[in-house]
C-alpha atoms as a PDB file:
ATOM      1  CA  MET A   1     -28.260  59.868 119.033  1.00  0.00           C
ATOM      2  CA  ALA A   2     -27.523  62.482 116.299  1.00  0.00           C
ATOM      3  CA  GLU A   3     -23.688  61.731 116.468  1.00  0.00           C
ATOM      4  CA  HIS A   4     -24.277  57.939 116.044  1.00  0.00           C
ATOM      5  CA  PRO A   5     -27.153  57.576 113.485  1.00  0.00           C
ATOM      6  CA  THR A   6     -28.663  54.251 112.690  1.00  0.00           C
ATOM      7  CA  GLY A   7     -26.799  52.278 109.934  1.00  0.00           C
ATOM      8  CA  ILE A   8     -23.636  54.230 110.013  1.00  0.00           C
ATOM      9  CA  PRO A   9     -20.331  52.432 111.119  1.00  0.00           C
ATOM     10  CA  ILE A  10     -18.597  54.172 113.925  1.00  0.00           C
ATOM     11  CA  GLN A  11     -14.935  53.378 114.560  1.00  0.00           C
ATOM     12  CA  LEU A  12     -14.651  52.993 118.375  1.00  0.00           C
ATOM     13  CA  GLU A  13     -11.016  51.805 118.206  1.00  0.00           C
ATOM     14  CA  PRO A  14      -8.810  50.184 115.634  1.00  0.00           C
ATOM     15  CA  LEU A  15     -10.395  46.646 116.160  1.00  0.00           C
ATOM     16  CA  VAL A  16     -13.960  47.717 116.907  1.00  0.00           C
ATOM     17  CA  VAL A  17     -16.697  49.173 114.664  1.00  0.00           C
ATOM     18  CA  ARG A  18     -20.293  49.851 116.038  1.00  0.00           C
ATOM     19  CA  VAL A  19     -23.462  49.867 113.848  1.00  0.00           C
ATOM     20  CA  LEU A  20     -26.694  51.007 115.660  1.00  0.00           C
ATOM     21  CA  ALA A  21     -29.995  49.153 114.751  1.00  0.00           C
ATOM     22  CA  PRO A  22     -33.079  51.145 114.085  1.00  0.00           C
ATOM     23  CA  ASN A  23     -35.038  49.678 116.982  1.00  0.00           C
ATOM     24  CA  PRO A  24     -35.360  52.428 119.652  1.00  0.00           C
ATOM     25  CA  SER A  25     -37.757  51.883 122.519  1.00  0.00           C
ATOM     26  CA  PRO A  26     -38.235  52.376 126.335  1.00  0.00           C
ATOM     27  CA  TYR A  27     -36.162  49.210 126.746  1.00  0.00           C
ATOM     28  CA  THR A  28     -33.536  49.460 124.030  1.00  0.00           C
ATOM     29  CA  TYR A  29     -32.758  53.126 124.422  1.00  0.00           C
ATOM     30  CA  THR A  30     -31.531  54.375 120.930  1.00  0.00           C
ATOM     31  CA  GLY A  31     -31.547  50.852 119.761  1.00  0.00           C
ATOM     32  CA  THR A  32     -29.293  47.651 119.755  1.00  0.00           C
ATOM     33  CA  GLN A  33     -25.583  48.203 118.975  1.00  0.00           C
ATOM     34  CA  THR A  34     -23.900  45.634 116.896  1.00  0.00           C
ATOM     35  CA  HIS A  35     -20.184  45.518 117.230  1.00  0.00           C
ATOM     36  CA  ILE A  36     -17.772  44.285 114.499  1.00  0.00           C
ATOM     37  CA  VAL A  37     -14.429  43.238 115.744  1.00  0.00           C
ATOM     38  CA  GLY A  38     -11.214  42.898 113.573  1.00  0.00           C
ATOM     39  CA  THR A  39      -9.748  44.106 110.391  1.00  0.00           C
ATOM     40  CA  THR A  40      -9.005  41.531 107.832  1.00  0.00           C
ATOM     41  CA  ASP A  41     -11.405  38.752 109.297  1.00  0.00           C
ATOM     42  CA  LEU A  42     -14.227  39.675 111.633  1.00  0.00           C
ATOM     43  CA  ALA A  43     -16.464  38.689 114.479  1.00  0.00           C
ATOM     44  CA  VAL A  44     -19.929  40.212 114.504  1.00  0.00           C
ATOM     45  CA  ILE A  45     -21.253  40.580 118.143  1.00  0.00           C
ATOM     46  CA  ASP A  46     -25.097  40.621 118.595  1.00  0.00           C
ATOM     47  CA  PRO A  47     -26.295  41.165 115.053  1.00  0.00           C
ATOM     48  CA  GLY A  48     -29.537  42.423 116.471  1.00  0.00           C
ATOM     49  CA  PRO A  49     -33.103  42.253 115.149  1.00  0.00           C
ATOM     50  CA  ASP A  50     -33.996  40.843 111.831  1.00  0.00           C
ATOM     51  CA  ASP A  51     -34.405  44.152 110.164  1.00  0.00           C
ATOM     52  CA  PRO A  52     -33.473  44.506 106.394  1.00  0.00           C
ATOM     53  CA  ALA A  53     -32.075  47.986 106.802  1.00  0.00           C
ATOM     54  CA  HIS A  54     -29.797  46.861 109.591  1.00  0.00           C
ATOM     55  CA  LEU A  55     -28.793  43.756 107.834  1.00  0.00           C
ATOM     56  CA  ASP A  56     -27.820  45.851 104.801  1.00  0.00           C
ATOM     57  CA  ALA A  57     -25.776  48.273 107.147  1.00  0.00           C
ATOM     58  CA  LEU A  58     -23.963  45.277 108.357  1.00  0.00           C
ATOM     59  CA  VAL A  59     -23.134  43.878 105.108  1.00  0.00           C
ATOM     60  CA  ARG A  60     -21.874  47.312 104.037  1.00  0.00           C
ATOM     61  CA  ALA A  61     -19.627  47.493 107.181  1.00  0.00           C
ATOM     62  CA  ILE A  62     -18.242  43.969 106.678  1.00  0.00           C
ATOM     63  CA  ASP A  63     -17.403  45.093 103.122  1.00  0.00           C
ATOM     64  CA  GLY A  64     -16.773  41.506 101.712  1.00  0.00           C
ATOM     65  CA  ARG A  65     -14.298  40.525 104.361  1.00  0.00           C
ATOM     66  CA  PRO A  66     -14.568  36.968 105.793  1.00  0.00           C
ATOM     67  CA  VAL A  67     -16.653  36.628 109.025  1.00  0.00           C
ATOM     68  CA  THR A  68     -15.048  34.140 111.374  1.00  0.00           C
ATOM     69  CA  ALA A  69     -18.023  33.986 113.798  1.00  0.00           C
ATOM     70  CA  ILE A  70     -21.496  35.604 114.610  1.00  0.00           C
ATOM     71  CA  VAL A  71     -21.230  35.982 118.315  1.00  0.00           C
ATOM     72  CA  VAL A  72     -24.282  36.354 120.627  1.00  0.00           C
ATOM     73  CA  THR A  73     -24.464  37.477 124.267  1.00  0.00           C
ATOM     74  CA  HIS A  74     -28.018  36.397 124.942  1.00  0.00           C
ATOM     75  CA  HIS A  75     -31.235  35.238 123.332  1.00  0.00           C
ATOM     76  CA  HIS A  76     -33.479  38.145 123.272  1.00  0.00           C
ATOM     77  CA  ARG A  77     -35.136  39.249 120.227  1.00  0.00           C
ATOM     78  CA  ASP A  78     -33.378  42.736 119.882  1.00  0.00           C
ATOM     79  CA  HIS A  79     -29.940  40.755 119.864  1.00  0.00           C
ATOM     80  CA  SER A  80     -30.040  37.389 118.150  1.00  0.00           C
ATOM     81  CA  PRO A  81     -32.569  37.135 115.237  1.00  0.00           C
ATOM     82  CA  ALA A  82     -30.306  38.676 112.673  1.00  0.00           C
ATOM     83  CA  THR A  83     -27.809  35.765 113.261  1.00  0.00           C
ATOM     84  CA  ARG A  84     -29.946  33.660 110.769  1.00  0.00           C
ATOM     85  CA  PRO A  85     -29.755  35.867 107.608  1.00  0.00           C
ATOM     86  CA  LEU A  86     -26.256  37.005 108.381  1.00  0.00           C
ATOM     87  CA  LYS A  87     -25.189  33.293 108.570  1.00  0.00           C
ATOM     88  CA  ALA A  88     -26.810  32.721 105.171  1.00  0.00           C
ATOM     89  CA  LEU A  89     -25.040  35.781 103.580  1.00  0.00           C
ATOM     90  CA  THR A  90     -21.600  34.995 105.158  1.00  0.00           C
ATOM     91  CA  GLY A  91     -21.487  31.361 106.026  1.00  0.00           C
ATOM     92  CA  ALA A  92     -20.101  32.128 109.333  1.00  0.00           C
ATOM     93  CA  PRO A  93     -21.144  29.958 112.293  1.00  0.00           C
ATOM     94  CA  ILE A  94     -23.404  31.373 115.219  1.00  0.00           C
ATOM     95  CA  VAL A  95     -21.509  30.924 118.501  1.00  0.00           C
ATOM     96  CA  GLY A  96     -21.914  32.056 122.165  1.00  0.00           C
ATOM     97  CA  ALA A  97     -24.964  31.961 124.430  1.00  0.00           C
ATOM     98  CA  ALA A  98     -26.779  28.616 124.900  1.00  0.00           C
ATOM     99  CA  PRO A  99     -30.162  27.867 123.561  1.00  0.00           C
ATOM    100  CA  PHE A 100     -33.097  26.927 125.520  1.00  0.00           C
ATOM    101  CA  ASP A 101     -36.910  26.812 125.743  1.00  0.00           C
ATOM    102  CA  LEU A 102     -38.542  28.687 128.675  1.00  0.00           C
ATOM    103  CA  ASP A 103     -42.181  29.095 129.271  1.00  0.00           C
ATOM    104  CA  ASP A 104     -42.356  32.218 131.123  1.00  0.00           C
ATOM    105  CA  ALA A 105     -45.932  32.713 132.153  1.00  0.00           C
ATOM    106  CA  GLY A 106     -45.472  36.129 133.785  1.00  0.00           C
ATOM    107  CA  ALA A 107     -45.908  39.271 132.050  1.00  0.00           C
ATOM    108  CA  ARG A 108     -42.674  40.072 130.403  1.00  0.00           C
ATOM    109  CA  ALA A 109     -41.497  43.829 130.059  1.00  0.00           C
ATOM    110  CA  ASP A 110     -38.236  43.453 128.224  1.00  0.00           C
ATOM    111  CA  ALA A 111     -37.477  42.134 124.743  1.00  0.00           C
ATOM    112  CA  SER A 112     -38.966  38.597 124.469  1.00  0.00           C
ATOM    113  CA  PHE A 113     -37.067  35.554 123.726  1.00  0.00           C
ATOM    114  CA  ASP A 114     -35.679  34.621 120.275  1.00  0.00           C
ATOM    115  CA  ALA A 115     -37.321  31.076 120.157  1.00  0.00           C
ATOM    116  CA  ASP A 116     -35.570  30.353 116.842  1.00  0.00           C
ATOM    117  CA  TYR A 117     -32.080  31.170 118.112  1.00  0.00           C
ATOM    118  CA  VAL A 118     -29.852  27.903 117.460  1.00  0.00           C
ATOM    119  CA  PRO A 119     -26.123  28.438 117.837  1.00  0.00           C
ATOM    120  CA  ASP A 120     -23.570  26.217 115.986  1.00  0.00           C
ATOM    121  CA  ARG A 121     -21.214  26.367 119.024  1.00  0.00           C
ATOM    122  CA  VAL A 122     -22.116  27.124 122.645  1.00  0.00           C
ATOM    123  CA  LEU A 123     -19.289  28.901 124.603  1.00  0.00           C
ATOM    124  CA  ALA A 124     -18.748  28.680 128.321  1.00  0.00           C
ATOM    125  CA  GLU A 125     -16.492  30.594 130.739  1.00  0.00           C
ATOM    126  CA  GLY A 126     -12.991  31.084 129.275  1.00  0.00           C
ATOM    127  CA  ASP A 127     -13.904  29.649 125.762  1.00  0.00           C
ATOM    128  CA  ALA A 128     -12.216  31.898 122.996  1.00  0.00           C
ATOM    129  CA  ILE A 129     -12.680  32.844 119.390  1.00  0.00           C
ATOM    130  CA  ARG A 130      -9.781  34.066 117.328  1.00  0.00           C
ATOM    131  CA  GLY A 131      -9.120  35.831 114.147  1.00  0.00           C
ATOM    132  CA  ASP A 132      -6.255  37.776 112.615  1.00  0.00           C
ATOM    133  CA  GLY A 133      -4.957  40.170 115.519  1.00  0.00           C
ATOM    134  CA  TRP A 134      -7.906  39.538 117.945  1.00  0.00           C
ATOM    135  CA  THR A 135      -9.157  37.218 120.491  1.00  0.00           C
ATOM    136  CA  LEU A 136     -12.449  37.254 122.173  1.00  0.00           C
ATOM    137  CA  GLU A 137     -12.822  35.335 125.584  1.00  0.00           C
ATOM    138  CA  ALA A 138     -16.354  34.254 126.872  1.00  0.00           C
ATOM    139  CA  ILE A 139     -17.110  35.584 130.310  1.00  0.00           C
ATOM    140  CA  ALA A 140     -20.271  33.927 132.030  1.00  0.00           C
ATOM    141  CA  THR A 141     -22.385  36.751 133.319  1.00  0.00           C
ATOM    142  CA  PRO A 142     -25.825  35.256 134.100  1.00  0.00           C
ATOM    143  CA  GLY A 143     -28.519  37.381 135.690  1.00  0.00           C
ATOM    144  CA  HIS A 144     -30.364  39.407 132.902  1.00  0.00           C
ATOM    145  CA  THR A 145     -30.828  36.037 131.307  1.00  0.00           C
ATOM    146  CA  SER A 146     -29.532  32.630 132.500  1.00  0.00           C
ATOM    147  CA  ASN A 147     -27.267  32.267 129.489  1.00  0.00           C
ATOM    148  CA  HIS A 148     -25.938  35.699 129.202  1.00  0.00           C
ATOM    149  CA  LEU A 149     -22.255  36.023 128.209  1.00  0.00           C
ATOM    150  CA  ALA A 150     -19.885  39.029 127.978  1.00  0.00           C
ATOM    151  CA  PHE A 151     -16.810  39.000 125.706  1.00  0.00           C
ATOM    152  CA  ALA A 152     -13.516  40.272 126.665  1.00  0.00           C
ATOM    153  CA  LEU A 153     -11.322  41.637 123.666  1.00  0.00           C
ATOM    154  CA  THR A 154      -8.022  40.619 125.320  1.00  0.00           C
ATOM    155  CA  ASP A 155      -5.944  42.396 122.831  1.00  0.00           C
ATOM    156  CA  THR A 156      -7.102  45.717 123.986  1.00  0.00           C
ATOM    157  CA  ASN A 157      -8.613  45.111 127.418  1.00  0.00           C
ATOM    158  CA  ALA A 158     -12.107  45.915 126.275  1.00  0.00           C
ATOM    159  CA  LEU A 159     -15.242  44.068 127.301  1.00  0.00           C
ATOM    160  CA  PHE A 160     -18.434  43.762 125.201  1.00  0.00           C
ATOM    161  CA  SER A 161     -20.972  43.708 128.192  1.00  0.00           C
ATOM    162  CA  GLY A 162     -24.181  42.889 126.308  1.00  0.00           C
ATOM    163  CA  ASP A 163     -27.124  43.786 128.412  1.00  0.00           C
ATOM    164  CA  HIS A 164     -25.400  42.861 131.779  1.00  0.00           C
ATOM    165  CA  VAL A 165     -24.036  46.354 131.969  1.00  0.00           C
ATOM    166  CA  MET A 166     -25.447  49.085 129.798  1.00  0.00           C
ATOM    167  CA  GLY A 167     -24.270  52.655 129.071  1.00  0.00           C
ATOM    168  CA  TRP A 168     -27.720  54.116 129.940  1.00  0.00           C
ATOM    169  CA  SER A 169     -29.691  52.273 132.518  1.00  0.00           C
ATOM    170  CA  THR A 170     -29.582  49.344 134.769  1.00  0.00           C
ATOM    171  CA  THR A 171     -30.697  46.091 133.120  1.00  0.00           C
ATOM    172  CA  ILE A 172     -34.096  44.395 133.690  1.00  0.00           C
ATOM    173  CA  VAL A 173     -33.860  41.184 135.726  1.00  0.00           C
ATOM    174  CA  SER A 174     -36.995  39.456 135.050  1.00  0.00           C
ATOM    175  CA  PRO A 175     -37.855  36.029 136.663  1.00  0.00           C
ATOM    176  CA  PRO A 176     -37.918  33.218 136.078  1.00  0.00           C
ATOM    177  CA  ASP A 177     -35.028  33.437 133.482  1.00  0.00           C
ATOM    178  CA  GLY A 178     -33.595  36.499 135.045  1.00  0.00           C
ATOM    179  CA  ASP A 179     -32.172  35.895 138.414  1.00  0.00           C
ATOM    180  CA  MET A 180     -31.191  38.534 140.929  1.00  0.00           C
ATOM    181  CA  THR A 181     -28.765  36.395 142.936  1.00  0.00           C
ATOM    182  CA  ALA A 182     -26.977  35.524 139.694  1.00  0.00           C
ATOM    183  CA  TYR A 183     -26.924  39.066 138.528  1.00  0.00           C
ATOM    184  CA  MET A 184     -25.416  40.482 141.632  1.00  0.00           C
ATOM    185  CA  ALA A 185     -22.748  37.718 141.654  1.00  0.00           C
ATOM    186  CA  SER A 186     -21.924  38.554 138.072  1.00  0.00           C
ATOM    187  CA  LEU A 187     -21.519  42.283 138.901  1.00  0.00           C
ATOM    188  CA  GLU A 188     -19.164  41.213 141.787  1.00  0.00           C
ATOM    189  CA  LYS A 189     -17.333  39.084 139.222  1.00  0.00           C
ATOM    190  CA  LEU A 190     -16.844  42.009 136.836  1.00  0.00           C
ATOM    191  CA  MET A 191     -15.583  44.215 139.722  1.00  0.00           C
ATOM    192  CA  ARG A 192     -12.801  41.808 140.127  1.00  0.00           C
ATOM    193  CA  ARG A 193     -11.617  42.336 136.520  1.00  0.00           C
ATOM    194  CA  ASP A 194      -9.561  45.305 135.262  1.00  0.00           C
ATOM    195  CA  ASP A 195     -11.289  45.943 131.813  1.00  0.00           C
ATOM    196  CA  ARG A 196     -10.376  49.358 130.318  1.00  0.00           C
ATOM    197  CA  ILE A 197     -13.736  50.089 128.815  1.00  0.00           C
ATOM    198  CA  TYR A 198     -17.039  48.420 128.124  1.00  0.00           C
ATOM    199  CA  TYR A 199     -18.927  48.292 124.850  1.00  0.00           C
ATOM    200  CA  PRO A 200     -22.585  47.627 125.870  1.00  0.00           C
ATOM    201  CA  GLY A 201     -25.517  46.391 123.751  1.00  0.00           C
ATOM    202  CA  HIS A 202     -27.263  49.685 124.448  1.00  0.00           C
ATOM    203  CA  GLY A 203     -25.948  52.998 125.265  1.00  0.00           C
ATOM    204  CA  GLU A 204     -22.608  54.790 125.087  1.00  0.00           C
ATOM    205  CA  ALA A 205     -19.225  53.053 125.933  1.00  0.00           C
ATOM    206  CA  VAL A 206     -18.500  52.883 129.594  1.00  0.00           C
ATOM    207  CA  LYS A 207     -15.027  54.488 130.010  1.00  0.00           C
ATOM    208  CA  LYS A 208     -14.860  53.926 133.812  1.00  0.00           C
ATOM    209  CA  PRO A 209     -16.509  50.509 134.240  1.00  0.00           C
ATOM    210  CA  GLN A 210     -15.400  49.698 137.734  1.00  0.00           C
ATOM    211  CA  ARG A 211     -16.992  52.784 139.022  1.00  0.00           C
ATOM    212  CA  LEU A 212     -20.353  52.197 137.114  1.00  0.00           C
ATOM    213  CA  VAL A 213     -20.511  48.460 138.263  1.00  0.00           C
ATOM    214  CA  ARG A 214     -19.865  49.529 141.965  1.00  0.00           C
ATOM    215  CA  GLY A 215     -22.618  52.080 141.498  1.00  0.00           C
ATOM    216  CA  MET A 216     -24.961  49.455 140.014  1.00  0.00           C
ATOM    217  CA  LEU A 217     -24.344  47.111 143.020  1.00  0.00           C
ATOM    218  CA  GLY A 218     -25.121  50.109 145.372  1.00  0.00           C
ATOM    219  CA  HIS A 219     -28.280  50.756 143.417  1.00  0.00           C
ATOM    220  CA  ARG A 220     -29.469  47.121 143.662  1.00  0.00           C
ATOM    221  CA  LYS A 221     -28.728  46.956 147.389  1.00  0.00           C
ATOM    222  CA  GLN A 222     -30.539  50.270 147.769  1.00  0.00           C
ATOM    223  CA  ARG A 223     -33.565  48.721 146.259  1.00  0.00           C
ATOM    224  CA  GLU A 224     -33.418  45.628 148.362  1.00  0.00           C
ATOM    225  CA  GLY A 225     -33.237  47.802 151.534  1.00  0.00           C
ATOM    226  CA  GLN A 226     -36.298  49.807 150.211  1.00  0.00           C
ATOM    227  CA  ILE A 227     -38.223  46.675 149.893  1.00  0.00           C
ATOM    228  CA  LEU A 228     -37.303  45.391 153.403  1.00  0.00           C
ATOM    229  CA  ARG A 229     -38.307  48.670 154.930  1.00  0.00           C
ATOM    230  CA  LEU A 230     -41.688  48.651 153.309  1.00  0.00           C
ATOM    231  CA  LEU A 231     -42.305  45.119 154.168  1.00  0.00           C
ATOM    232  CA  ARG A 232     -41.423  45.754 157.843  1.00  0.00           C
ATOM    233  CA  GLU A 233     -43.999  48.368 157.861  1.00  0.00           C
ATOM    234  CA  ALA A 234     -46.682  46.137 156.329  1.00  0.00           C
ATOM    235  CA  ALA A 235     -47.262  43.181 154.131  1.00  0.00           C
ATOM    236  CA  ARG A 236     -47.692  44.375 150.569  1.00  0.00           C
ATOM    237  CA  THR A 237     -48.306  43.106 147.040  1.00  0.00           C
ATOM    238  CA  ILE A 238     -45.913  43.813 144.234  1.00  0.00           C
ATOM    239  CA  PRO A 239     -48.006  46.581 142.726  1.00  0.00           C
ATOM    240  CA  ALA A 240     -48.108  48.241 146.020  1.00  0.00           C
ATOM    241  CA  LEU A 241     -44.316  47.996 146.393  1.00  0.00           C
ATOM    242  CA  VAL A 242     -43.891  49.499 142.849  1.00  0.00           C
ATOM    243  CA  ASP A 243     -46.182  52.404 143.677  1.00  0.00           C
ATOM    244  CA  ARG A 244     -44.084  53.262 146.637  1.00  0.00           C
ATOM    245  CA  MET A 245     -40.694  52.621 145.205  1.00  0.00           C
ATOM    246  CA  TYR A 246     -41.049  54.097 141.714  1.00  0.00           C
ATOM    247  CA  VAL A 247     -43.046  57.422 142.240  1.00  0.00           C
ATOM    248  CA  GLY A 248     -43.531  59.195 138.856  1.00  0.00           C
ATOM    249  CA  LEU A 249     -42.233  56.310 136.770  1.00  0.00           C
ATOM    250  CA  ASP A 250     -43.162  56.279 133.011  1.00  0.00           C
ATOM    251  CA  ALA A 251     -46.239  54.045 132.757  1.00  0.00           C
ATOM    252  CA  ARG A 252     -44.616  52.088 130.100  1.00  0.00           C
ATOM    253  CA  LEU A 253     -41.788  51.099 132.486  1.00  0.00           C
ATOM    254  CA  VAL A 254     -44.073  50.068 135.274  1.00  0.00           C
ATOM    255  CA  PRO A 255     -44.141  46.222 134.155  1.00  0.00           C
ATOM    256  CA  ALA A 256     -40.273  46.274 134.028  1.00  0.00           C
ATOM    257  CA  ALA A 257     -40.101  47.773 137.571  1.00  0.00           C
ATOM    258  CA  ALA A 258     -42.610  44.988 138.805  1.00  0.00           C
ATOM    259  CA  ARG A 259     -40.455  42.219 137.278  1.00  0.00           C
ATOM    260  CA  SER A 260     -37.262  43.630 138.973  1.00  0.00           C
ATOM    261  CA  VAL A 261     -39.049  43.870 142.369  1.00  0.00           C
ATOM    262  CA  LEU A 262     -40.093  40.329 141.835  1.00  0.00           C
ATOM    263  CA  ALA A 263     -36.524  39.326 141.089  1.00  0.00           C
ATOM    264  CA  HIS A 264     -35.352  41.154 144.443  1.00  0.00           C
ATOM    265  CA  LEU A 265     -38.250  39.342 146.364  1.00  0.00           C
ATOM    266  CA  TYR A 266     -37.101  35.919 145.064  1.00  0.00           C
ATOM    267  CA  ASP A 267     -33.489  36.764 146.099  1.00  0.00           C
ATOM    268  CA  LEU A 268     -34.603  37.868 149.636  1.00  0.00           C
ATOM    269  CA  GLN A 269     -36.804  34.683 149.902  1.00  0.00           C
ATOM    270  CA  THR A 270     -33.873  32.559 149.114  1.00  0.00           C
ATOM    271  CA  ARG A 271     -31.921  34.221 151.941  1.00  0.00           C
ATOM    272  CA  GLY A 272     -34.754  33.568 154.339  1.00  0.00           C
ATOM    273  CA  LEU A 273     -35.661  37.266 154.724  1.00  0.00           C
ATOM    274  CA  VAL A 274     -39.191  37.347 153.262  1.00  0.00           C
ATOM    275  CA  ILE A 275     -41.985  34.948 152.448  1.00  0.00           C
ATOM    276  CA  GLU A 276     -44.978  35.111 150.210  1.00  0.00           C
ATOM    277  CA  GLU A 277     -48.598  34.552 151.200  1.00  0.00           C
ATOM    278  CA  SER A 278     -51.411  34.664 148.487  1.00  0.00           C
ATOM    279  CA  GLU A 279     -49.527  37.265 146.327  1.00  0.00           C
ATOM    280  CA  THR A 280     -48.669  39.395 149.385  1.00  0.00           C
ATOM    281  CA  TRP A 281     -45.137  39.590 150.712  1.00  0.00           C
ATOM    282  CA  ARG A 282     -43.872  40.108 154.189  1.00  0.00           C
ATOM    283  CA  THR A 283     -40.720  39.898 156.186  1.00  0.00           C
ATOM    284  CA  THR A 284     -39.974  36.888 158.263  1.00  0.00           C
END
């Protein structure tokens, strides 16, 4: 994004500054967006990858002000590794998503887990972090990951949506940690809120968030219907489903599509609508 170059602080509103990390990819879009909340004392949300240039940019944006908390929405390597050098530089505690150790034997398509992520304080639904003139409230939004949190800036009715709702694409839901049932429930939960704007981990700010979330729910239900129609025609493997469902997809994104299809199948299986037999799926 030429208008939002990496390493340059962009003032989004009086309490919020965004700094874009230099880690663009098919899965991160233009890169991970770190958000800095506050004016006199600060919270740094998702400091991003452990990249010296990005860390230097964050230090410049902090500009010597005290950091109350380093806040993490989830434990993927494009979001949380910079917590450790930033804590060493600022002395601020790492707070937010819970840590865990998961052995995912499947082929992963999104950013891999940050195995070294260790928060000083784990936040749950409704827990708050406060500074001078700002309050961040944790909103549990599992689905993309089991520990995903969004954070509501209650002072301005804004929401930092992490990777649960992004400004450029639907998120990857990759089992076993990603869970489509939980993801859909989290979207429904956000639909019941009245947030004014979302600041996502990737992509532009979402100025009509309820409309976007409604569209995301519709998109996932459309994919679910597509899977059921194809399986009613014939039993199929996941690669065969992906071939039919994602015609012309960039080859780099095929593994991500396969993981999302698997997440849908697990959800449908839980609801008793499909069964798996020797890597082939069919309707019940």
